[in-house]
Amino acid sequence: MREKDGARVATAEHPATPNVAPRFTRAAQAERSRLEGKREQLLRKREAAQAEVAEIDRAVGGVDELLELLAPLLAGNGSEPEEAAGEDGTSGSDRGGSGSEREALPQPAKE
């Protein structure tokens, strides 16, 4: 008999899957569905943001290429690129220079 009592004690300590009220099951399923929808929405937003970043990277690369093309032209005229625009993005006129070199250069088209 002790073996039967031992088996009963073991099952009493570790009950099978608890019974969950149907309303809680429905609520959990609704929450899961809502969260899955939100996850899909966030994944689509992330894809769109990554595509936009890639587009910006291409535009920056294009501007970098144009800056590289301008560097020899400015150096050939005796102008240093740093005089036209400083590392902080300010022009020579913003730093107190004449800014005539900047006025003579054609302005790139805005995207």
PDB file of N, CA and C in Angstrom:
ATOM      1  N   MET A   1       0.794  -1.197   0.000  1.00  0.00           N
ATOM      2  CA  MET A   1       0.000   0.000   0.000  1.00  0.00           C
ATOM      3  C   MET A   1       0.832   1.255   0.000  1.00  0.00           C
ATOM      4  N   ARG A   2       1.980   1.158   0.544  1.00  0.00           N
ATOM      5  CA  ARG A   2       2.824   2.344   0.609  1.00  0.00           C
ATOM      6  C   ARG A   2       3.153   2.840  -0.799  1.00  0.00           C
ATOM      7  N   GLU A   3       3.288   1.954  -1.738  1.00  0.00           N
ATOM      8  CA  GLU A   3       3.600   2.373  -3.098  1.00  0.00           C
ATOM      9  C   GLU A   3       2.462   3.188  -3.683  1.00  0.00           C
ATOM     10  N   LYS A   4       1.237   2.813  -3.422  1.00  0.00           N
ATOM     11  CA  LYS A   4       0.103   3.590  -3.913  1.00  0.00           C
ATOM     12  C   LYS A   4       0.062   4.952  -3.255  1.00  0.00           C
ATOM     13  N   ASP A   5       0.325   4.995  -1.960  1.00  0.00           N
ATOM     14  CA  ASP A   5       0.324   6.283  -1.260  1.00  0.00           C
ATOM     15  C   ASP A   5       1.433   7.181  -1.810  1.00  0.00           C
ATOM     16  N   GLY A   6       2.573   6.601  -2.119  1.00  0.00           N
ATOM     17  CA  GLY A   6       3.681   7.374  -2.686  1.00  0.00           C
ATOM     18  C   GLY A   6       3.314   7.952  -4.045  1.00  0.00           C
ATOM     19  N   ALA A   7       2.598   7.201  -4.842  1.00  0.00           N
ATOM     20  CA  ALA A   7       2.167   7.672  -6.162  1.00  0.00           C
ATOM     21  C   ALA A   7       1.174   8.806  -6.011  1.00  0.00           C
ATOM     22  N   ARG A   8       0.287   8.692  -5.034  1.00  0.00           N
ATOM     23  CA  ARG A   8      -0.682   9.769  -4.809  1.00  0.00           C
ATOM     24  C   ARG A   8       0.005  11.042  -4.341  1.00  0.00           C
ATOM     25  N   VAL A   9       0.987  10.909  -3.508  1.00  0.00           N
ATOM     26  CA  VAL A   9       1.714  12.073  -3.006  1.00  0.00           C
ATOM     27  C   VAL A   9       2.448  12.760  -4.153  1.00  0.00           C
ATOM     28  N   ALA A  10       3.038  11.981  -5.038  1.00  0.00           N
ATOM     29  CA  ALA A  10       3.773  12.548  -6.168  1.00  0.00           C
ATOM     30  C   ALA A  10       2.835  13.325  -7.086  1.00  0.00           C
ATOM     31  N   THR A  11       1.664  12.808  -7.361  1.00  0.00           N
ATOM     32  CA  THR A  11       0.746  13.528  -8.247  1.00  0.00           C
ATOM     33  C   THR A  11       0.137  14.729  -7.550  1.00  0.00           C
ATOM     34  N   ALA A  12      -0.008  14.655  -6.241  1.00  0.00           N
ATOM     35  CA  ALA A  12      -0.553  15.798  -5.509  1.00  0.00           C
ATOM     36  C   ALA A  12       0.451  16.943  -5.485  1.00  0.00           C
ATOM     37  N   GLU A  13       1.738  16.623  -5.464  1.00  0.00           N
ATOM     38  CA  GLU A  13       2.768  17.661  -5.435  1.00  0.00           C
ATOM     39  C   GLU A  13       2.929  18.327  -6.807  1.00  0.00           C
ATOM     40  N   HIS A  14       2.773  17.566  -7.860  1.00  0.00           N
ATOM     41  CA  HIS A  14       2.944  18.084  -9.214  1.00  0.00           C
ATOM     42  C   HIS A  14       1.654  17.876  -9.992  1.00  0.00           C
ATOM     43  N   PRO A  15       0.716  18.752  -9.828  1.00  0.00           N
ATOM     44  CA  PRO A  15      -0.560  18.547 -10.521  1.00  0.00           C
ATOM     45  C   PRO A  15      -0.387  18.694 -12.027  1.00  0.00           C
ATOM     46  N   ALA A  16      -1.309  18.111 -12.741  1.00  0.00           N
ATOM     47  CA  ALA A  16      -1.308  18.227 -14.202  1.00  0.00           C
ATOM     48  C   ALA A  16      -1.600  19.682 -14.572  1.00  0.00           C
ATOM     49  N   THR A  17      -1.709  19.941 -15.839  1.00  0.00           N
ATOM     50  CA  THR A  17      -1.975  21.299 -16.315  1.00  0.00           C
ATOM     51  C   THR A  17      -3.223  21.852 -15.621  1.00  0.00           C
ATOM     52  N   PRO A  18      -3.094  23.040 -15.055  1.00  0.00           N
ATOM     53  CA  PRO A  18      -4.245  23.592 -14.349  1.00  0.00           C
ATOM     54  C   PRO A  18      -5.363  23.960 -15.325  1.00  0.00           C
ATOM     55  N   ASN A  19      -6.556  23.917 -14.846  1.00  0.00           N
ATOM     56  CA  ASN A  19      -7.692  24.326 -15.653  1.00  0.00           C
ATOM     57  C   ASN A  19      -7.777  25.847 -15.633  1.00  0.00           C
ATOM     58  N   VAL A  20      -7.856  26.424 -16.815  1.00  0.00           N
ATOM     59  CA  VAL A  20      -7.933  27.877 -16.943  1.00  0.00           C
ATOM     60  C   VAL A  20      -9.333  28.210 -17.443  1.00  0.00           C
ATOM     61  N   ALA A  21      -9.895  29.220 -16.853  1.00  0.00           N
ATOM     62  CA  ALA A  21     -11.237  29.629 -17.254  1.00  0.00           C
ATOM     63  C   ALA A  21     -11.223  30.056 -18.718  1.00  0.00           C
ATOM     64  N   PRO A  22     -12.262  29.728 -19.467  1.00  0.00           N
ATOM     65  CA  PRO A  22     -12.306  30.083 -20.894  1.00  0.00           C
ATOM     66  C   PRO A  22     -12.143  31.582 -21.156  1.00  0.00           C
ATOM     67  N   ARG A  23     -12.653  32.416 -20.293  1.00  0.00           N
ATOM     68  CA  ARG A  23     -12.512  33.865 -20.523  1.00  0.00           C
ATOM     69  C   ARG A  23     -11.051  34.295 -20.472  1.00  0.00           C
ATOM     70  N   PHE A  24     -10.249  33.663 -19.592  1.00  0.00           N
ATOM     71  CA  PHE A  24      -8.834  34.001 -19.541  1.00  0.00           C
ATOM     72  C   PHE A  24      -8.108  33.490 -20.778  1.00  0.00           C
ATOM     73  N   THR A  25      -8.508  32.326 -21.258  1.00  0.00           N
ATOM     74  CA  THR A  25      -7.914  31.792 -22.481  1.00  0.00           C
ATOM     75  C   THR A  25      -8.219  32.718 -23.658  1.00  0.00           C
ATOM     76  N   ARG A  26      -9.464  33.172 -23.761  1.00  0.00           N
ATOM     77  CA  ARG A  26      -9.829  34.096 -24.844  1.00  0.00           C
ATOM     78  C   ARG A  26      -9.065  35.409 -24.713  1.00  0.00           C
ATOM     79  N   ALA A  27      -8.940  35.906 -23.482  1.00  0.00           N
ATOM     80  CA  ALA A  27      -8.211  37.160 -23.266  1.00  0.00           C
ATOM     81  C   ALA A  27      -6.738  37.003 -23.663  1.00  0.00           C
ATOM     82  N   ALA A  28      -6.154  35.864 -23.303  1.00  0.00           N
ATOM     83  CA  ALA A  28      -4.748  35.625 -23.656  1.00  0.00           C
ATOM     84  C   ALA A  28      -4.584  35.517 -25.165  1.00  0.00           C
ATOM     85  N   GLN A  29      -5.529  34.849 -25.839  1.00  0.00           N
ATOM     86  CA  GLN A  29      -5.464  34.732 -27.294  1.00  0.00           C
ATOM     87  C   GLN A  29      -5.633  36.101 -27.961  1.00  0.00           C
ATOM     88  N   ALA A  30      -6.518  36.925 -27.424  1.00  0.00           N
ATOM     89  CA  ALA A  30      -6.706  38.263 -27.985  1.00  0.00           C
ATOM     90  C   ALA A  30      -5.450  39.102 -27.798  1.00  0.00           C
ATOM     91  N   GLU A  31      -4.830  39.001 -26.638  1.00  0.00           N
ATOM     92  CA  GLU A  31      -3.599  39.761 -26.380  1.00  0.00           C
ATOM     93  C   GLU A  31      -2.473  39.278 -27.281  1.00  0.00           C
ATOM     94  N   ARG A  32      -2.388  37.975 -27.470  1.00  0.00           N
ATOM     95  CA  ARG A  32      -1.363  37.426 -28.360  1.00  0.00           C
ATOM     96  C   ARG A  32      -1.568  37.948 -29.782  1.00  0.00           C
ATOM     97  N   SER A  33      -2.813  37.946 -30.242  1.00  0.00           N
ATOM     98  CA  SER A  33      -3.121  38.436 -31.586  1.00  0.00           C
ATOM     99  C   SER A  33      -2.765  39.910 -31.729  1.00  0.00           C
ATOM    100  N   ARG A  34      -3.108  40.686 -30.697  1.00  0.00           N
ATOM    101  CA  ARG A  34      -2.785  42.121 -30.720  1.00  0.00           C
ATOM    102  C   ARG A  34      -1.277  42.342 -30.771  1.00  0.00           C
ATOM    103  N   LEU A  35      -0.541  41.595 -29.963  1.00  0.00           N
ATOM    104  CA  LEU A  35       0.915  41.744 -29.932  1.00  0.00           C
ATOM    105  C   LEU A  35       1.561  41.289 -31.241  1.00  0.00           C
ATOM    106  N   GLU A  36       1.041  40.238 -31.850  1.00  0.00           N
ATOM    107  CA  GLU A  36       1.579  39.793 -33.138  1.00  0.00           C
ATOM    108  C   GLU A  36       1.344  40.854 -34.209  1.00  0.00           C
ATOM    109  N   GLY A  37       0.172  41.480 -34.191  1.00  0.00           N
ATOM    110  CA  GLY A  37      -0.102  42.563 -35.136  1.00  0.00           C
ATOM    111  C   GLY A  37       0.830  43.741 -34.923  1.00  0.00           C
ATOM    112  N   LYS A  38       1.050  44.086 -33.655  1.00  0.00           N
ATOM    113  CA  LYS A  38       1.957  45.190 -33.328  1.00  0.00           C
ATOM    114  C   LYS A  38       3.374  44.862 -33.787  1.00  0.00           C
ATOM    115  N   ARG A  39       3.784  43.610 -33.605  1.00  0.00           N
ATOM    116  CA  ARG A  39       5.125  43.195 -34.031  1.00  0.00           C
ATOM    117  C   ARG A  39       5.286  43.345 -35.540  1.00  0.00           C
ATOM    118  N   GLU A  40       4.271  42.889 -36.286  1.00  0.00           N
ATOM    119  CA  GLU A  40       4.312  43.022 -37.748  1.00  0.00           C
ATOM    120  C   GLU A  40       4.381  44.483 -38.168  1.00  0.00           C
ATOM    121  N   GLN A  41       3.616  45.320 -37.490  1.00  0.00           N
ATOM    122  CA  GLN A  41       3.629  46.757 -37.792  1.00  0.00           C
ATOM    123  C   GLN A  41       5.013  47.348 -37.541  1.00  0.00           C
ATOM    124  N   LEU A  42       5.627  46.980 -36.435  1.00  0.00           N
ATOM    125  CA  LEU A  42       6.962  47.491 -36.119  1.00  0.00           C
ATOM    126  C   LEU A  42       8.004  46.988 -37.109  1.00  0.00           C
ATOM    127  N   LEU A  43       7.869  45.742 -37.556  1.00  0.00           N
ATOM    128  CA  LEU A  43       8.807  45.213 -38.550  1.00  0.00           C
ATOM    129  C   LEU A  43       8.690  45.985 -39.869  1.00  0.00           C
ATOM    130  N   ARG A  44       7.444  46.314 -40.263  1.00  0.00           N
ATOM    131  CA  ARG A  44       7.253  47.105 -41.494  1.00  0.00           C
ATOM    132  C   ARG A  44       7.858  48.504 -41.331  1.00  0.00           C
ATOM    133  N   LYS A  45       7.679  49.098 -40.155  1.00  0.00           N
ATOM    134  CA  LYS A  45       8.253  50.423 -39.899  1.00  0.00           C
ATOM    135  C   LYS A  45       9.779  50.364 -39.962  1.00  0.00           C
ATOM    136  N   ARG A  46      10.339  49.291 -39.398  1.00  0.00           N
ATOM    137  CA  ARG A  46      11.797  49.152 -39.413  1.00  0.00           C
ATOM    138  C   ARG A  46      12.309  49.030 -40.839  1.00  0.00           C
ATOM    139  N   GLU A  47      11.614  48.239 -41.665  1.00  0.00           N
ATOM    140  CA  GLU A  47      12.010  48.099 -43.069  1.00  0.00           C
ATOM    141  C   GLU A  47      11.978  49.446 -43.783  1.00  0.00           C
ATOM    142  N   ALA A  48      10.911  50.217 -43.543  1.00  0.00           N
ATOM    143  CA  ALA A  48      10.789  51.531 -44.181  1.00  0.00           C
ATOM    144  C   ALA A  48      11.908  52.458 -43.720  1.00  0.00           C
ATOM    145  N   ALA A  49      12.221  52.425 -42.437  1.00  0.00           N
ATOM    146  CA  ALA A  49      13.288  53.287 -41.916  1.00  0.00           C
ATOM    147  C   ALA A  49      14.642  52.877 -42.485  1.00  0.00           C
ATOM    148  N   GLN A  50      14.875  51.578 -42.602  1.00  0.00           N
ATOM    149  CA  GLN A  50      16.134  51.115 -43.168  1.00  0.00           C
ATOM    150  C   GLN A  50      16.259  51.507 -44.633  1.00  0.00           C
ATOM    151  N   ALA A  51      15.150  51.465 -45.359  1.00  0.00           N
ATOM    152  CA  ALA A  51      15.176  51.889 -46.761  1.00  0.00           C
ATOM    153  C   ALA A  51      15.483  53.375 -46.855  1.00  0.00           C
ATOM    154  N   GLU A  52      14.912  54.152 -45.942  1.00  0.00           N
ATOM    155  CA  GLU A  52      15.174  55.597 -45.948  1.00  0.00           C
ATOM    156  C   GLU A  52      16.632  55.886 -45.604  1.00  0.00           C
ATOM    157  N   VAL A  53      17.173  55.155 -44.645  1.00  0.00           N
ATOM    158  CA  VAL A  53      18.583  55.333 -44.277  1.00  0.00           C
ATOM    159  C   VAL A  53      19.476  54.977 -45.465  1.00  0.00           C
ATOM    160  N   ALA A  54      19.136  53.917 -46.186  1.00  0.00           N
ATOM    161  CA  ALA A  54      19.927  53.537 -47.351  1.00  0.00           C
ATOM    162  C   ALA A  54      19.884  54.639 -48.407  1.00  0.00           C
ATOM    163  N   GLU A  55      18.728  55.241 -48.594  1.00  0.00           N
ATOM    164  CA  GLU A  55      18.596  56.345 -49.552  1.00  0.00           C
ATOM    165  C   GLU A  55      19.439  57.541 -49.118  1.00  0.00           C
ATOM    166  N   ILE A  56      19.426  57.840 -47.838  1.00  0.00           N
ATOM    167  CA  ILE A  56      20.234  58.947 -47.311  1.00  0.00           C
ATOM    168  C   ILE A  56      21.712  58.637 -47.482  1.00  0.00           C
ATOM    169  N   ASP A  57      22.104  57.391 -47.236  1.00  0.00           N
ATOM    170  CA  ASP A  57      23.507  56.999 -47.422  1.00  0.00           C
ATOM    171  C   ASP A  57      23.953  57.204 -48.871  1.00  0.00           C
ATOM    172  N   ARG A  58      23.063  56.849 -49.814  1.00  0.00           N
ATOM    173  CA  ARG A  58      23.411  57.065 -51.229  1.00  0.00           C
ATOM    174  C   ARG A  58      23.557  58.557 -51.531  1.00  0.00           C
ATOM    175  N   ALA A  59      22.682  59.372 -50.971  1.00  0.00           N
ATOM    176  CA  ALA A  59      22.758  60.815 -51.201  1.00  0.00           C
ATOM    177  C   ALA A  59      24.039  61.387 -50.603  1.00  0.00           C
ATOM    178  N   VAL A  60      24.391  60.932 -49.405  1.00  0.00           N
ATOM    179  CA  VAL A  60      25.633  61.390 -48.773  1.00  0.00           C
ATOM    180  C   VAL A  60      26.829  60.972 -49.624  1.00  0.00           C
ATOM    181  N   GLY A  61      26.789  59.745 -50.151  1.00  0.00           N
ATOM    182  CA  GLY A  61      27.873  59.289 -51.028  1.00  0.00           C
ATOM    183  C   GLY A  61      27.999  60.159 -52.273  1.00  0.00           C
ATOM    184  N   GLY A  62      26.862  60.549 -52.839  1.00  0.00           N
ATOM    185  CA  GLY A  62      26.884  61.439 -54.004  1.00  0.00           C
ATOM    186  C   GLY A  62      27.482  62.789 -53.680  1.00  0.00           C
ATOM    187  N   VAL A  63      27.114  63.336 -52.521  1.00  0.00           N
ATOM    188  CA  VAL A  63      27.675  64.628 -52.098  1.00  0.00           C
ATOM    189  C   VAL A  63      29.164  64.485 -51.844  1.00  0.00           C
ATOM    190  N   ASP A  64      29.578  63.382 -51.238  1.00  0.00           N
ATOM    191  CA  ASP A  64      31.009  63.148 -51.001  1.00  0.00           C
ATOM    192  C   ASP A  64      31.781  63.111 -52.319  1.00  0.00           C
ATOM    193  N   GLU A  65      31.203  62.454 -53.324  1.00  0.00           N
ATOM    194  CA  GLU A  65      31.859  62.412 -54.634  1.00  0.00           C
ATOM    195  C   GLU A  65      31.996  63.817 -55.219  1.00  0.00           C
ATOM    196  N   LEU A  66      30.950  64.616 -55.102  1.00  0.00           N
ATOM    197  CA  LEU A  66      31.019  65.990 -55.622  1.00  0.00           C
ATOM    198  C   LEU A  66      32.065  66.802 -54.871  1.00  0.00           C
ATOM    199  N   LEU A  67      32.145  66.607 -53.559  1.00  0.00           N
ATOM    200  CA  LEU A  67      33.158  67.321 -52.778  1.00  0.00           C
ATOM    201  C   LEU A  67      34.562  66.912 -53.205  1.00  0.00           C
ATOM    202  N   GLU A  68      34.744  65.627 -53.500  1.00  0.00           N
ATOM    203  CA  GLU A  68      36.048  65.163 -53.969  1.00  0.00           C
ATOM    204  C   GLU A  68      36.392  65.781 -55.315  1.00  0.00           C
ATOM    205  N   LEU A  69      35.381  65.960 -56.179  1.00  0.00           N
ATOM    206  CA  LEU A  69      35.623  66.584 -57.479  1.00  0.00           C
ATOM    207  C   LEU A  69      35.961  68.059 -57.327  1.00  0.00           C
ATOM    208  N   LEU A  70      35.372  68.716 -56.343  1.00  0.00           N
ATOM    209  CA  LEU A  70      35.631  70.145 -56.141  1.00  0.00           C
ATOM    210  C   LEU A  70      36.987  70.402 -55.498  1.00  0.00           C
ATOM    211  N   ALA A  71      37.472  69.478 -54.710  1.00  0.00           N
ATOM    212  CA  ALA A  71      38.730  69.696 -53.985  1.00  0.00           C
ATOM    213  C   ALA A  71      39.887  70.059 -54.919  1.00  0.00           C
ATOM    214  N   PRO A  72      40.142  69.333 -56.022  1.00  0.00           N
ATOM    215  CA  PRO A  72      41.256  69.716 -56.899  1.00  0.00           C
ATOM    216  C   PRO A  72      41.022  71.074 -57.574  1.00  0.00           C
ATOM    217  N   LEU A  73      39.761  71.381 -57.882  1.00  0.00           N
ATOM    218  CA  LEU A  73      39.481  72.670 -58.510  1.00  0.00           C
ATOM    219  C   LEU A  73      39.790  73.819 -57.557  1.00  0.00           C
ATOM    220  N   LEU A  74      39.426  73.661 -56.310  1.00  0.00           N
ATOM    221  CA  LEU A  74      39.709  74.704 -55.332  1.00  0.00           C
ATOM    222  C   LEU A  74      41.197  74.794 -55.038  1.00  0.00           C
ATOM    223  N   ALA A  75      41.883  73.652 -55.000  1.00  0.00           N
ATOM    224  CA  ALA A  75      43.321  73.657 -54.758  1.00  0.00           C
ATOM    225  C   ALA A  75      44.047  74.281 -55.960  1.00  0.00           C
ATOM    226  N   GLY A  76      43.531  74.047 -57.174  1.00  0.00           N
ATOM    227  CA  GLY A  76      44.145  74.607 -58.375  1.00  0.00           C
ATOM    228  C   GLY A  76      44.016  76.124 -58.429  1.00  0.00           C
ATOM    229  N   ASN A  77      43.005  76.692 -57.819  1.00  0.00           N
ATOM    230  CA  ASN A  77      42.813  78.141 -57.791  1.00  0.00           C
ATOM    231  C   ASN A  77      43.513  78.784 -56.608  1.00  0.00           C
ATOM    232  N   GLY A  78      44.248  77.994 -55.852  1.00  0.00           N
ATOM    233  CA  GLY A  78      44.922  78.531 -54.682  1.00  0.00           C
ATOM    234  C   GLY A  78      44.023  78.583 -53.462  1.00  0.00           C
ATOM    235  N   SER A  79      42.845  78.070 -53.588  1.00  0.00           N
ATOM    236  CA  SER A  79      41.926  78.040 -52.447  1.00  0.00           C
ATOM    237  C   SER A  79      42.012  76.695 -51.765  1.00  0.00           C
ATOM    238  N   GLU A  80      41.991  76.702 -50.494  1.00  0.00           N
ATOM    239  CA  GLU A  80      41.950  75.462 -49.738  1.00  0.00           C
ATOM    240  C   GLU A  80      40.499  75.110 -49.448  1.00  0.00           C
ATOM    241  N   PRO A  81      40.147  73.844 -49.481  1.00  0.00           N
ATOM    242  CA  PRO A  81      38.768  73.455 -49.169  1.00  0.00           C
ATOM    243  C   PRO A  81      38.333  73.902 -47.781  1.00  0.00           C
ATOM    244  N   GLU A  82      39.261  73.964 -46.837  1.00  0.00           N
ATOM    245  CA  GLU A  82      38.911  74.396 -45.486  1.00  0.00           C
ATOM    246  C   GLU A  82      38.464  75.849 -45.457  1.00  0.00           C
ATOM    247  N   GLU A  83      38.941  76.643 -46.412  1.00  0.00           N
ATOM    248  CA  GLU A  83      38.527  78.043 -46.460  1.00  0.00           C
ATOM    249  C   GLU A  83      37.083  78.161 -46.928  1.00  0.00           C
ATOM    250  N   ALA A  84      36.668  77.277 -47.844  1.00  0.00           N
ATOM    251  CA  ALA A  84      35.313  77.342 -48.368  1.00  0.00           C
ATOM    252  C   ALA A  84      34.316  76.871 -47.324  1.00  0.00           C
ATOM    253  N   ALA A  85      34.653  75.837 -46.605  1.00  0.00           N
ATOM    254  CA  ALA A  85      33.776  75.340 -45.549  1.00  0.00           C
ATOM    255  C   ALA A  85      34.625  74.641 -44.505  1.00  0.00           C
ATOM    256  N   GLY A  86      34.447  75.022 -43.265  1.00  0.00           N
ATOM    257  CA  GLY A  86      35.197  74.430 -42.171  1.00  0.00           C
ATOM    258  C   GLY A  86      34.656  73.070 -41.815  1.00  0.00           C
ATOM    259  N   GLU A  87      35.365  72.396 -40.913  1.00  0.00           N
ATOM    260  CA  GLU A  87      34.938  71.071 -40.500  1.00  0.00           C
ATOM    261  C   GLU A  87      33.592  71.111 -39.813  1.00  0.00           C
ATOM    262  N   ASP A  88      33.259  72.241 -39.184  1.00  0.00           N
ATOM    263  CA  ASP A  88      31.970  72.333 -38.488  1.00  0.00           C
ATOM    264  C   ASP A  88      30.851  72.727 -39.432  1.00  0.00           C
ATOM    265  N   GLY A  89      31.143  72.858 -40.733  1.00  0.00           N
ATOM    266  CA  GLY A  89      30.122  73.164 -41.719  1.00  0.00           C
ATOM    267  C   GLY A  89      29.892  74.648 -41.934  1.00  0.00           C
ATOM    268  N   THR A  90      30.626  75.504 -41.234  1.00  0.00           N
ATOM    269  CA  THR A  90      30.447  76.943 -41.436  1.00  0.00           C
ATOM    270  C   THR A  90      31.270  77.398 -42.617  1.00  0.00           C
ATOM    271  N   SER A  91      30.740  78.354 -43.356  1.00  0.00           N
ATOM    272  CA  SER A  91      31.471  78.859 -44.518  1.00  0.00           C
ATOM    273  C   SER A  91      32.508  79.873 -44.075  1.00  0.00           C
ATOM    274  N   GLY A  92      33.367  80.237 -45.014  1.00  0.00           N
ATOM    275  CA  GLY A  92      34.383  81.237 -44.720  1.00  0.00           C
ATOM    276  C   GLY A  92      33.762  82.543 -44.265  1.00  0.00           C
ATOM    277  N   SER A  93      32.636  82.939 -44.851  1.00  0.00           N
ATOM    278  CA  SER A  93      31.992  84.190 -44.459  1.00  0.00           C
ATOM    279  C   SER A  93      31.412  84.085 -43.056  1.00  0.00           C
ATOM    280  N   ASP A  94      30.999  82.874 -42.649  1.00  0.00           N
ATOM    281  CA  ASP A  94      30.469  82.692 -41.299  1.00  0.00           C
ATOM    282  C   ASP A  94      31.569  82.792 -40.263  1.00  0.00           C
ATOM    283  N   ARG A  95      32.797  82.460 -40.664  1.00  0.00           N
ATOM    284  CA  ARG A  95      33.920  82.537 -39.738  1.00  0.00           C
ATOM    285  C   ARG A  95      34.614  83.884 -39.819  1.00  0.00           C
ATOM    286  N   GLY A  96      34.122  84.780 -40.633  1.00  0.00           N
ATOM    287  CA  GLY A  96      34.724  86.100 -40.725  1.00  0.00           C
ATOM    288  C   GLY A  96      35.487  86.319 -42.017  1.00  0.00           C
ATOM    289  N   GLY A  97      35.544  85.335 -42.897  1.00  0.00           N
ATOM    290  CA  GLY A  97      36.237  85.487 -44.176  1.00  0.00           C
ATOM    291  C   GLY A  97      35.347  86.184 -45.174  1.00  0.00           C
ATOM    292  N   SER A  98      35.905  86.438 -46.377  1.00  0.00           N
ATOM    293  CA  SER A  98      35.137  87.146 -47.398  1.00  0.00           C
ATOM    294  C   SER A  98      34.051  86.268 -47.998  1.00  0.00           C
ATOM    295  N   GLY A  99      34.345  84.963 -48.142  1.00  0.00           N
ATOM    296  CA  GLY A  99      33.351  84.062 -48.699  1.00  0.00           C
ATOM    297  C   GLY A  99      33.202  84.197 -50.198  1.00  0.00           C
ATOM    298  N   SER A 100      34.123  84.916 -50.891  1.00  0.00           N
ATOM    299  CA  SER A 100      33.994  85.103 -52.329  1.00  0.00           C
ATOM    300  C   SER A 100      34.168  83.793 -53.078  1.00  0.00           C
ATOM    301  N   GLU A 101      35.015  82.881 -52.538  1.00  0.00           N
ATOM    302  CA  GLU A 101      35.193  81.607 -53.213  1.00  0.00           C
ATOM    303  C   GLU A 101      33.883  80.836 -53.218  1.00  0.00           C
ATOM    304  N   ARG A 102      33.162  80.902 -52.147  1.00  0.00           N
ATOM    305  CA  ARG A 102      31.903  80.162 -52.040  1.00  0.00           C
ATOM    306  C   ARG A 102      30.866  80.754 -52.986  1.00  0.00           C
ATOM    307  N   GLU A 103      30.840  82.042 -53.156  1.00  0.00           N
ATOM    308  CA  GLU A 103      29.867  82.677 -54.040  1.00  0.00           C
ATOM    309  C   GLU A 103      30.133  82.320 -55.501  1.00  0.00           C
ATOM    310  N   ALA A 104      31.402  82.085 -55.862  1.00  0.00           N
ATOM    311  CA  ALA A 104      31.752  81.808 -57.247  1.00  0.00           C
ATOM    312  C   ALA A 104      31.403  80.378 -57.649  1.00  0.00           C
ATOM    313  N   LEU A 105      31.255  79.468 -56.698  1.00  0.00           N
ATOM    314  CA  LEU A 105      30.982  78.082 -57.012  1.00  0.00           C
ATOM    315  C   LEU A 105      29.505  77.891 -57.320  1.00  0.00           C
ATOM    316  N   PRO A 106      29.199  77.063 -58.304  1.00  0.00           N
ATOM    317  CA  PRO A 106      27.780  76.775 -58.575  1.00  0.00           C
ATOM    318  C   PRO A 106      27.207  75.969 -57.424  1.00  0.00           C
ATOM    319  N   GLN A 107      25.970  76.233 -57.070  1.00  0.00           N
ATOM    320  CA  GLN A 107      25.309  75.542 -55.977  1.00  0.00           C
ATOM    321  C   GLN A 107      24.700  74.241 -56.502  1.00  0.00           C
ATOM    322  N   PRO A 108      24.914  73.128 -55.780  1.00  0.00           N
ATOM    323  CA  PRO A 108      24.321  71.858 -56.237  1.00  0.00           C
ATOM    324  C   PRO A 108      22.798  71.893 -56.089  1.00  0.00           C
ATOM    325  N   ALA A 109      22.140  71.160 -56.958  1.00  0.00           N
ATOM    326  CA  ALA A 109      20.692  71.098 -56.907  1.00  0.00           C
ATOM    327  C   ALA A 109      20.262  70.361 -55.662  1.00  0.00           C
ATOM    328  N   LYS A 110      19.194  70.851 -55.029  1.00  0.00           N
ATOM    329  CA  LYS A 110      18.678  70.199 -53.833  1.00  0.00           C
ATOM    330  C   LYS A 110      17.802  69.035 -54.242  1.00  0.00           C
ATOM    331  N   GLU A 111      17.832  67.960 -53.407  1.00  0.00           N
ATOM    332  CA  GLU A 111      17.038  66.760 -53.719  1.00  0.00           C
ATOM    333  C   GLU A 111      15.671  66.873 -53.106  1.00  0.00           C
TER     334      GLU A 111
END
